[in-house]
Amino acid sequence: MTYCVGMLVDEGLAMIADTRTNAGVDNISSYRKLHIYKSP
């Protein structure tokens, strides 16, 4: 299960999420599935 939180702040939209692909104790790996989009 992936968790994500979104917040609308004065500067824009902020999104926070975990990157774990397995919640098991012995085999924890992460996968880059997050991207940053911003305007100048």
N, C-alpha and C. Protein backbone atom coordinates (compact mmCIF):
# COMPACT_ATOMS: atom_id res chain seq x y z
N MET A 1 0.85 -1.16 0.00
CA MET A 1 0.00 0.00 0.00
C MET A 1 0.90 1.23 0.00
N THR A 2 0.54 2.19 -0.81
CA THR A 2 1.29 3.45 -0.89
C THR A 2 0.47 4.54 -0.24
N TYR A 3 1.15 5.39 0.50
CA TYR A 3 0.49 6.48 1.17
C TYR A 3 0.86 7.79 0.50
N CYS A 4 -0.11 8.69 0.38
CA CYS A 4 0.13 9.98 -0.24
C CYS A 4 -0.70 11.04 0.48
N VAL A 5 -0.12 12.21 0.68
CA VAL A 5 -0.81 13.34 1.30
C VAL A 5 -0.66 14.53 0.37
N GLY A 6 -1.74 15.23 0.14
CA GLY A 6 -1.71 16.43 -0.68
C GLY A 6 -2.16 17.63 0.14
N MET A 7 -1.45 18.74 0.01
CA MET A 7 -1.80 19.95 0.74
C MET A 7 -1.78 21.14 -0.22
N LEU A 8 -2.82 21.96 -0.14
CA LEU A 8 -2.86 23.18 -0.93
C LEU A 8 -2.38 24.32 -0.04
N VAL A 9 -1.22 24.88 -0.37
CA VAL A 9 -0.62 25.97 0.40
C VAL A 9 -0.56 27.21 -0.49
N ASP A 10 -0.16 28.33 0.09
CA ASP A 10 -0.11 29.59 -0.66
C ASP A 10 0.79 29.51 -1.89
N GLU A 11 1.87 28.73 -1.81
CA GLU A 11 2.82 28.62 -2.91
C GLU A 11 2.37 27.65 -4.00
N GLY A 12 1.36 26.83 -3.74
CA GLY A 12 0.89 25.86 -4.72
C GLY A 12 0.43 24.58 -4.04
N LEU A 13 0.54 23.47 -4.75
CA LEU A 13 0.12 22.16 -4.25
C LEU A 13 1.34 21.37 -3.82
N ALA A 14 1.34 20.87 -2.59
CA ALA A 14 2.45 20.06 -2.08
C ALA A 14 1.96 18.63 -1.91
N MET A 15 2.71 17.67 -2.47
CA MET A 15 2.36 16.26 -2.39
C MET A 15 3.51 15.50 -1.72
N ILE A 16 3.17 14.64 -0.78
CA ILE A 16 4.17 13.85 -0.06
C ILE A 16 3.73 12.39 -0.13
N ALA A 17 4.67 11.48 -0.47
CA ALA A 17 4.34 10.06 -0.58
C ALA A 17 5.53 9.21 -0.15
N ASP A 18 5.25 7.97 0.24
CA ASP A 18 6.33 7.05 0.56
C ASP A 18 6.81 6.38 -0.72
N THR A 19 7.98 5.74 -0.65
CA THR A 19 8.54 5.09 -1.84
C THR A 19 8.81 3.61 -1.61
N ARG A 20 8.30 3.04 -0.54
CA ARG A 20 8.53 1.62 -0.31
C ARG A 20 7.68 0.78 -1.24
N THR A 21 8.27 -0.28 -1.77
CA THR A 21 7.51 -1.20 -2.62
C THR A 21 7.08 -2.45 -1.85
N ASN A 22 7.64 -2.66 -0.66
CA ASN A 22 7.30 -3.82 0.14
C ASN A 22 7.33 -3.40 1.60
N ALA A 23 6.28 -3.71 2.34
CA ALA A 23 6.22 -3.34 3.75
C ALA A 23 6.81 -4.42 4.65
N GLY A 24 7.39 -5.48 4.07
CA GLY A 24 7.99 -6.54 4.87
C GLY A 24 9.23 -6.07 5.61
N VAL A 25 9.56 -6.75 6.69
CA VAL A 25 10.69 -6.36 7.52
C VAL A 25 12.01 -6.76 6.88
N ASP A 26 12.09 -7.93 6.28
CA ASP A 26 13.35 -8.46 5.77
C ASP A 26 13.74 -7.92 4.40
N ASN A 27 12.77 -7.60 3.59
CA ASN A 27 13.06 -7.21 2.21
C ASN A 27 12.40 -5.86 1.93
N ILE A 28 13.08 -4.79 2.29
CA ILE A 28 12.55 -3.45 2.06
C ILE A 28 13.32 -2.83 0.91
N SER A 29 12.64 -2.49 -0.13
CA SER A 29 13.28 -1.83 -1.26
C SER A 29 12.48 -0.58 -1.60
N SER A 30 13.11 0.34 -2.28
CA SER A 30 12.40 1.54 -2.69
C SER A 30 12.55 1.72 -4.19
N TYR A 31 11.59 2.37 -4.76
CA TYR A 31 11.54 2.57 -6.20
C TYR A 31 11.18 4.02 -6.44
N ARG A 32 11.95 4.68 -7.28
CA ARG A 32 11.69 6.08 -7.53
C ARG A 32 10.47 6.21 -8.43
N LYS A 33 9.36 6.58 -7.84
CA LYS A 33 8.13 6.75 -8.59
C LYS A 33 7.57 8.16 -8.41
N LEU A 34 8.36 9.03 -7.83
CA LEU A 34 7.94 10.41 -7.61
C LEU A 34 8.64 11.33 -8.59
N HIS A 35 7.95 12.32 -9.03
CA HIS A 35 8.50 13.30 -9.96
C HIS A 35 8.20 14.69 -9.43
N ILE A 36 9.04 15.64 -9.75
CA ILE A 36 8.86 17.02 -9.32
C ILE A 36 8.49 17.86 -10.54
N TYR A 37 7.36 18.51 -10.45
CA TYR A 37 6.91 19.44 -11.49
C TYR A 37 6.78 20.80 -10.83
N LYS A 38 7.44 21.79 -11.38
CA LYS A 38 7.33 23.13 -10.81
C LYS A 38 7.41 24.15 -11.92
N SER A 39 6.82 25.29 -11.65
CA SER A 39 6.89 26.38 -12.62
C SER A 39 7.88 27.42 -12.11
N PRO A 40 8.61 28.05 -13.02
CA PRO A 40 9.63 29.02 -12.61
C PRO A 40 9.06 30.26 -11.96
